[in-house]
Amino acid sequence: MDRCKDLPTAPAGVELDQLDGLQVEIPAKALAALAEILDQIAKGRAVDTDLVKLAHWTRRHINSNELAACQLPRVIQGKRPTTKPESWYGQPELLQEILELAIPVRGNKAAVFK
């Protein structure tokens, strides 16, 4: 099985981490299996393909702590700071109501979130 040139001893897996600048060579067989998986997901069918056979490990679920740890912060700092849209929160309607009540008290949205 082909390995990542940057991490030759790392086991191949189905879960991908966000690693900036890391280049990975993916075998053609794995790409074909991934295309089949995406096709089955789009059709709403259960996935059972050769991709699992090519991996050393797989994940069937993500627990809530892992999901929470992967969420974007409210503001991403940079040359032009970017604010997370209110529609991306779990209950945007409730958040909007809270903001409408709290902004007159706290002065602005940033103060409300603090």
N, C-alpha and C. Protein backbone atom coordinates (compact mmCIF):
# COMPACT_ATOMS: atom_id res chain seq x y z
N MET A 1 0.84 -1.18 0.00
CA MET A 1 0.00 0.00 0.00
C MET A 1 0.89 1.24 0.00
N ASP A 2 0.50 2.26 -0.81
CA ASP A 2 1.26 3.50 -0.84
C ASP A 2 1.12 4.25 0.48
N ARG A 3 2.16 4.91 0.87
CA ARG A 3 2.18 5.69 2.11
C ARG A 3 2.39 7.17 1.79
N CYS A 4 2.02 8.01 2.71
CA CYS A 4 2.29 9.43 2.61
C CYS A 4 3.80 9.63 2.68
N LYS A 5 4.37 10.38 1.76
CA LYS A 5 5.82 10.59 1.74
C LYS A 5 6.30 11.34 2.97
N ASP A 6 5.46 12.25 3.50
CA ASP A 6 5.85 13.05 4.67
C ASP A 6 5.75 12.26 5.97
N LEU A 7 4.87 11.27 6.03
CA LEU A 7 4.68 10.46 7.23
C LEU A 7 4.67 8.98 6.85
N PRO A 8 5.81 8.43 6.45
CA PRO A 8 5.84 7.06 5.92
C PRO A 8 5.45 5.99 6.93
N THR A 9 5.58 6.26 8.23
CA THR A 9 5.25 5.23 9.21
C THR A 9 3.83 5.36 9.75
N ALA A 10 3.13 6.41 9.37
CA ALA A 10 1.76 6.60 9.86
C ALA A 10 0.82 5.61 9.16
N PRO A 11 -0.09 4.99 9.93
CA PRO A 11 -1.03 4.06 9.30
C PRO A 11 -2.04 4.81 8.43
N ALA A 12 -2.42 4.20 7.34
CA ALA A 12 -3.42 4.80 6.47
C ALA A 12 -4.77 4.68 7.15
N GLY A 13 -5.63 5.69 7.00
CA GLY A 13 -6.92 5.66 7.66
C GLY A 13 -7.98 6.35 6.83
N VAL A 14 -9.22 6.21 7.25
CA VAL A 14 -10.33 6.82 6.55
C VAL A 14 -10.55 8.24 7.04
N GLU A 15 -10.31 8.52 8.33
CA GLU A 15 -10.50 9.85 8.89
C GLU A 15 -9.35 10.76 8.46
N LEU A 16 -9.66 11.97 8.02
CA LEU A 16 -8.64 12.92 7.59
C LEU A 16 -8.58 14.08 8.57
N ASP A 17 -7.38 14.43 9.02
CA ASP A 17 -7.20 15.60 9.85
C ASP A 17 -6.86 16.78 8.95
N GLN A 18 -7.04 17.97 9.45
CA GLN A 18 -6.68 19.16 8.68
C GLN A 18 -5.20 19.43 8.91
N LEU A 19 -4.39 19.05 7.94
CA LEU A 19 -2.95 19.26 8.01
C LEU A 19 -2.54 20.13 6.83
N ASP A 20 -2.31 21.42 7.09
CA ASP A 20 -1.96 22.36 6.03
C ASP A 20 -0.65 21.96 5.38
N GLY A 21 -0.64 21.96 4.06
CA GLY A 21 0.58 21.74 3.31
C GLY A 21 1.01 20.29 3.18
N LEU A 22 0.30 19.36 3.80
CA LEU A 22 0.68 17.96 3.72
C LEU A 22 0.16 17.38 2.41
N GLN A 23 1.06 16.78 1.65
CA GLN A 23 0.67 16.19 0.38
C GLN A 23 0.66 14.68 0.52
N VAL A 24 -0.44 14.08 0.12
CA VAL A 24 -0.62 12.65 0.26
C VAL A 24 -0.91 12.05 -1.11
N GLU A 25 -0.22 10.97 -1.43
CA GLU A 25 -0.52 10.23 -2.65
C GLU A 25 -1.59 9.19 -2.32
N ILE A 26 -2.71 9.24 -3.02
CA ILE A 26 -3.81 8.32 -2.77
C ILE A 26 -3.85 7.30 -3.90
N PRO A 27 -3.84 6.01 -3.56
CA PRO A 27 -3.88 4.99 -4.61
C PRO A 27 -5.16 5.09 -5.43
N ALA A 28 -5.06 4.77 -6.72
CA ALA A 28 -6.21 4.84 -7.62
C ALA A 28 -7.35 3.97 -7.11
N LYS A 29 -7.02 2.82 -6.52
CA LYS A 29 -8.04 1.91 -6.00
C LYS A 29 -8.83 2.59 -4.87
N ALA A 30 -8.13 3.35 -4.02
CA ALA A 30 -8.80 4.07 -2.92
C ALA A 30 -9.68 5.18 -3.46
N LEU A 31 -9.21 5.89 -4.50
CA LEU A 31 -10.02 6.95 -5.10
C LEU A 31 -11.30 6.38 -5.70
N ALA A 32 -11.20 5.24 -6.35
CA ALA A 32 -12.38 4.60 -6.92
C ALA A 32 -13.37 4.21 -5.82
N ALA A 33 -12.84 3.67 -4.72
CA ALA A 33 -13.71 3.29 -3.60
C ALA A 33 -14.35 4.51 -2.98
N LEU A 34 -13.61 5.61 -2.86
CA LEU A 34 -14.16 6.84 -2.30
C LEU A 34 -15.27 7.39 -3.20
N ALA A 35 -15.07 7.34 -4.50
CA ALA A 35 -16.10 7.79 -5.44
C ALA A 35 -17.37 6.96 -5.27
N GLU A 36 -17.20 5.66 -5.07
CA GLU A 36 -18.35 4.78 -4.86
C GLU A 36 -19.07 5.13 -3.56
N ILE A 37 -18.31 5.42 -2.51
CA ILE A 37 -18.90 5.80 -1.22
C ILE A 37 -19.72 7.08 -1.37
N LEU A 38 -19.13 8.09 -2.01
CA LEU A 38 -19.84 9.35 -2.19
C LEU A 38 -21.11 9.17 -3.01
N ASP A 39 -21.04 8.31 -4.01
CA ASP A 39 -22.21 8.01 -4.81
C ASP A 39 -23.30 7.35 -3.97
N GLN A 40 -22.91 6.39 -3.11
CA GLN A 40 -23.88 5.71 -2.25
C GLN A 40 -24.46 6.65 -1.21
N ILE A 41 -23.64 7.54 -0.66
CA ILE A 41 -24.14 8.51 0.31
C ILE A 41 -25.16 9.43 -0.35
N ALA A 42 -24.86 9.87 -1.57
CA ALA A 42 -25.77 10.75 -2.29
C ALA A 42 -27.11 10.05 -2.54
N LYS A 43 -27.07 8.72 -2.73
CA LYS A 43 -28.30 7.96 -2.96
C LYS A 43 -28.96 7.52 -1.66
N GLY A 44 -28.31 7.80 -0.52
CA GLY A 44 -28.89 7.47 0.77
C GLY A 44 -28.78 6.02 1.17
N ARG A 45 -27.84 5.28 0.58
CA ARG A 45 -27.66 3.87 0.91
C ARG A 45 -26.53 3.67 1.90
N ALA A 46 -26.54 2.54 2.57
CA ALA A 46 -25.46 2.20 3.50
C ALA A 46 -24.16 2.00 2.73
N VAL A 47 -23.05 2.35 3.34
CA VAL A 47 -21.74 2.25 2.69
C VAL A 47 -21.04 0.98 3.16
N ASP A 48 -20.64 0.14 2.19
CA ASP A 48 -19.87 -1.06 2.48
C ASP A 48 -18.98 -1.31 1.27
N THR A 49 -17.77 -0.77 1.30
CA THR A 49 -16.91 -0.84 0.12
C THR A 49 -15.52 -1.34 0.45
N ASP A 50 -14.70 -1.39 -0.57
CA ASP A 50 -13.32 -1.85 -0.43
C ASP A 50 -12.43 -0.84 0.29
N LEU A 51 -12.90 0.40 0.45
CA LEU A 51 -12.07 1.40 1.12
C LEU A 51 -11.73 0.97 2.54
N VAL A 52 -12.69 0.37 3.23
CA VAL A 52 -12.45 -0.10 4.60
C VAL A 52 -11.36 -1.17 4.60
N LYS A 53 -11.31 -1.99 3.57
CA LYS A 53 -10.28 -3.03 3.48
C LYS A 53 -8.89 -2.44 3.28
N LEU A 54 -8.80 -1.24 2.69
CA LEU A 54 -7.52 -0.60 2.42
C LEU A 54 -6.98 0.15 3.64
N ALA A 55 -7.83 0.41 4.62
CA ALA A 55 -7.43 1.20 5.78
C ALA A 55 -7.00 0.31 6.94
N HIS A 56 -6.08 0.83 7.76
CA HIS A 56 -5.68 0.13 8.97
C HIS A 56 -6.72 0.29 10.07
N TRP A 57 -7.51 1.37 10.02
CA TRP A 57 -8.53 1.64 11.02
C TRP A 57 -9.63 2.48 10.40
N THR A 58 -10.81 2.47 10.98
CA THR A 58 -11.93 3.28 10.51
C THR A 58 -12.67 3.86 11.71
N ARG A 59 -13.50 4.85 11.44
CA ARG A 59 -14.35 5.45 12.48
C ARG A 59 -15.79 5.29 12.04
N ARG A 60 -16.65 4.92 12.95
CA ARG A 60 -18.07 4.78 12.63
C ARG A 60 -18.89 5.92 13.23
N HIS A 61 -18.31 6.68 14.15
CA HIS A 61 -19.03 7.79 14.77
C HIS A 61 -18.03 8.82 15.29
N ILE A 62 -18.56 9.99 15.60
CA ILE A 62 -17.78 11.05 16.24
C ILE A 62 -18.55 11.42 17.50
N ASN A 63 -17.87 11.39 18.67
CA ASN A 63 -18.61 11.72 19.88
C ASN A 63 -18.76 13.24 20.01
N SER A 64 -19.64 13.69 20.89
CA SER A 64 -19.97 15.11 20.99
C SER A 64 -18.78 15.95 21.44
N ASN A 65 -17.89 15.41 22.27
CA ASN A 65 -16.71 16.17 22.69
C ASN A 65 -15.78 16.44 21.50
N GLU A 66 -15.57 15.43 20.65
CA GLU A 66 -14.74 15.61 19.47
C GLU A 66 -15.35 16.63 18.52
N LEU A 67 -16.66 16.54 18.35
CA LEU A 67 -17.35 17.48 17.47
C LEU A 67 -17.24 18.90 18.00
N ALA A 68 -17.43 19.09 19.31
CA ALA A 68 -17.34 20.41 19.92
C ALA A 68 -15.93 20.98 19.77
N ALA A 69 -14.91 20.15 19.89
CA ALA A 69 -13.53 20.61 19.79
C ALA A 69 -13.17 21.06 18.37
N CYS A 70 -13.94 20.63 17.38
CA CYS A 70 -13.64 20.95 15.98
C CYS A 70 -14.43 22.16 15.45
N GLN A 71 -15.24 22.78 16.28
CA GLN A 71 -16.05 23.91 15.83
C GLN A 71 -15.19 25.16 15.67
N LEU A 72 -15.57 25.98 14.70
CA LEU A 72 -14.86 27.23 14.48
C LEU A 72 -15.11 28.18 15.64
N PRO A 73 -14.12 29.03 15.97
CA PRO A 73 -14.37 30.06 16.98
C PRO A 73 -15.33 31.10 16.42
N ARG A 74 -15.88 31.93 17.29
CA ARG A 74 -16.83 32.96 16.84
C ARG A 74 -16.15 33.95 15.91
N VAL A 75 -14.90 34.33 16.21
CA VAL A 75 -14.15 35.27 15.37
C VAL A 75 -12.80 34.65 15.02
N ILE A 76 -12.48 34.66 13.73
CA ILE A 76 -11.18 34.20 13.27
C ILE A 76 -10.36 35.46 13.00
N GLN A 77 -9.29 35.65 13.77
CA GLN A 77 -8.48 36.85 13.66
C GLN A 77 -7.62 36.80 12.40
N GLY A 78 -7.26 37.95 11.92
CA GLY A 78 -6.42 38.06 10.74
C GLY A 78 -6.42 39.49 10.26
N LYS A 79 -5.93 39.70 9.05
CA LYS A 79 -5.90 41.05 8.49
C LYS A 79 -7.32 41.63 8.46
N ARG A 80 -8.26 40.80 8.05
CA ARG A 80 -9.68 41.15 8.11
C ARG A 80 -10.39 40.08 8.93
N PRO A 81 -10.64 40.33 10.21
CA PRO A 81 -11.28 39.31 11.05
C PRO A 81 -12.61 38.84 10.46
N THR A 82 -12.87 37.56 10.55
CA THR A 82 -14.09 36.96 10.03
C THR A 82 -14.94 36.48 11.20
N THR A 83 -16.22 36.82 11.18
CA THR A 83 -17.13 36.43 12.24
C THR A 83 -18.00 35.27 11.77
N LYS A 84 -18.17 34.29 12.63
CA LYS A 84 -19.01 33.12 12.34
C LYS A 84 -20.46 33.58 12.16
N PRO A 85 -21.13 33.22 11.08
CA PRO A 85 -22.52 33.63 10.87
C PRO A 85 -23.44 33.06 11.95
N GLU A 86 -24.43 33.85 12.32
CA GLU A 86 -25.37 33.40 13.36
C GLU A 86 -26.13 32.15 12.93
N SER A 87 -26.32 31.98 11.62
CA SER A 87 -27.05 30.81 11.12
C SER A 87 -26.29 29.51 11.35
N TRP A 88 -25.00 29.57 11.68
CA TRP A 88 -24.19 28.37 11.90
C TRP A 88 -24.33 27.84 13.31
N TYR A 89 -24.94 28.57 14.20
CA TYR A 89 -25.12 28.11 15.58
C TYR A 89 -26.25 27.08 15.63
N GLY A 90 -26.27 26.28 16.69
CA GLY A 90 -27.24 25.19 16.82
C GLY A 90 -28.69 25.63 16.77
N GLN A 91 -29.00 26.75 17.40
CA GLN A 91 -30.37 27.28 17.41
C GLN A 91 -30.32 28.77 17.06
N PRO A 92 -30.17 29.10 15.78
CA PRO A 92 -29.98 30.51 15.40
C PRO A 92 -31.14 31.42 15.78
N GLU A 93 -32.37 30.88 15.78
CA GLU A 93 -33.53 31.71 16.14
C GLU A 93 -33.44 32.12 17.61
N LEU A 94 -33.07 31.18 18.46
CA LEU A 94 -32.92 31.46 19.88
C LEU A 94 -31.76 32.43 20.12
N LEU A 95 -30.66 32.24 19.42
CA LEU A 95 -29.53 33.15 19.53
C LEU A 95 -29.93 34.56 19.14
N GLN A 96 -30.70 34.69 18.07
CA GLN A 96 -31.15 36.01 17.61
C GLN A 96 -31.99 36.69 18.69
N GLU A 97 -32.89 35.95 19.32
CA GLU A 97 -33.71 36.51 20.40
C GLU A 97 -32.84 36.98 21.57
N ILE A 98 -31.86 36.16 21.93
CA ILE A 98 -30.97 36.51 23.04
C ILE A 98 -30.19 37.78 22.70
N LEU A 99 -29.66 37.85 21.47
CA LEU A 99 -28.90 39.03 21.07
C LEU A 99 -29.76 40.29 21.09
N GLU A 100 -31.00 40.17 20.61
CA GLU A 100 -31.90 41.33 20.60
C GLU A 100 -32.16 41.85 22.01
N LEU A 101 -32.24 40.96 22.98
CA LEU A 101 -32.47 41.36 24.37
C LEU A 101 -31.18 41.87 25.04
N ALA A 102 -30.04 41.28 24.70
CA ALA A 102 -28.80 41.58 25.41
C ALA A 102 -28.03 42.78 24.84
N ILE A 103 -28.13 43.04 23.57
CA ILE A 103 -27.35 44.14 22.97
C ILE A 103 -27.71 45.49 23.59
N PRO A 104 -29.00 45.82 23.82
CA PRO A 104 -29.30 47.10 24.47
C PRO A 104 -28.69 47.20 25.89
N VAL A 105 -28.54 46.08 26.56
CA VAL A 105 -27.99 46.07 27.92
C VAL A 105 -26.46 46.16 27.89
N ARG A 106 -25.81 45.36 27.04
CA ARG A 106 -24.34 45.26 27.01
C ARG A 106 -23.69 46.26 26.06
N GLY A 107 -24.44 46.78 25.09
CA GLY A 107 -23.89 47.80 24.19
C GLY A 107 -23.60 47.32 22.78
N ASN A 108 -23.03 46.13 22.62
CA ASN A 108 -22.76 45.61 21.28
C ASN A 108 -22.66 44.08 21.32
N LYS A 109 -22.61 43.49 20.14
CA LYS A 109 -22.60 42.03 20.04
C LYS A 109 -21.36 41.41 20.66
N ALA A 110 -20.20 42.04 20.49
CA ALA A 110 -18.96 41.50 21.06
C ALA A 110 -19.06 41.42 22.59
N ALA A 111 -19.63 42.45 23.19
CA ALA A 111 -19.78 42.46 24.66
C ALA A 111 -20.75 41.38 25.12
N VAL A 112 -21.77 41.12 24.31
CA VAL A 112 -22.74 40.07 24.65
C VAL A 112 -22.06 38.71 24.66
N PHE A 113 -21.22 38.45 23.65
CA PHE A 113 -20.56 37.15 23.57
C PHE A 113 -19.50 36.95 24.67
N LYS A 114 -18.92 38.06 25.17
CA LYS A 114 -17.95 37.94 26.26
C LYS A 114 -18.67 37.47 27.50
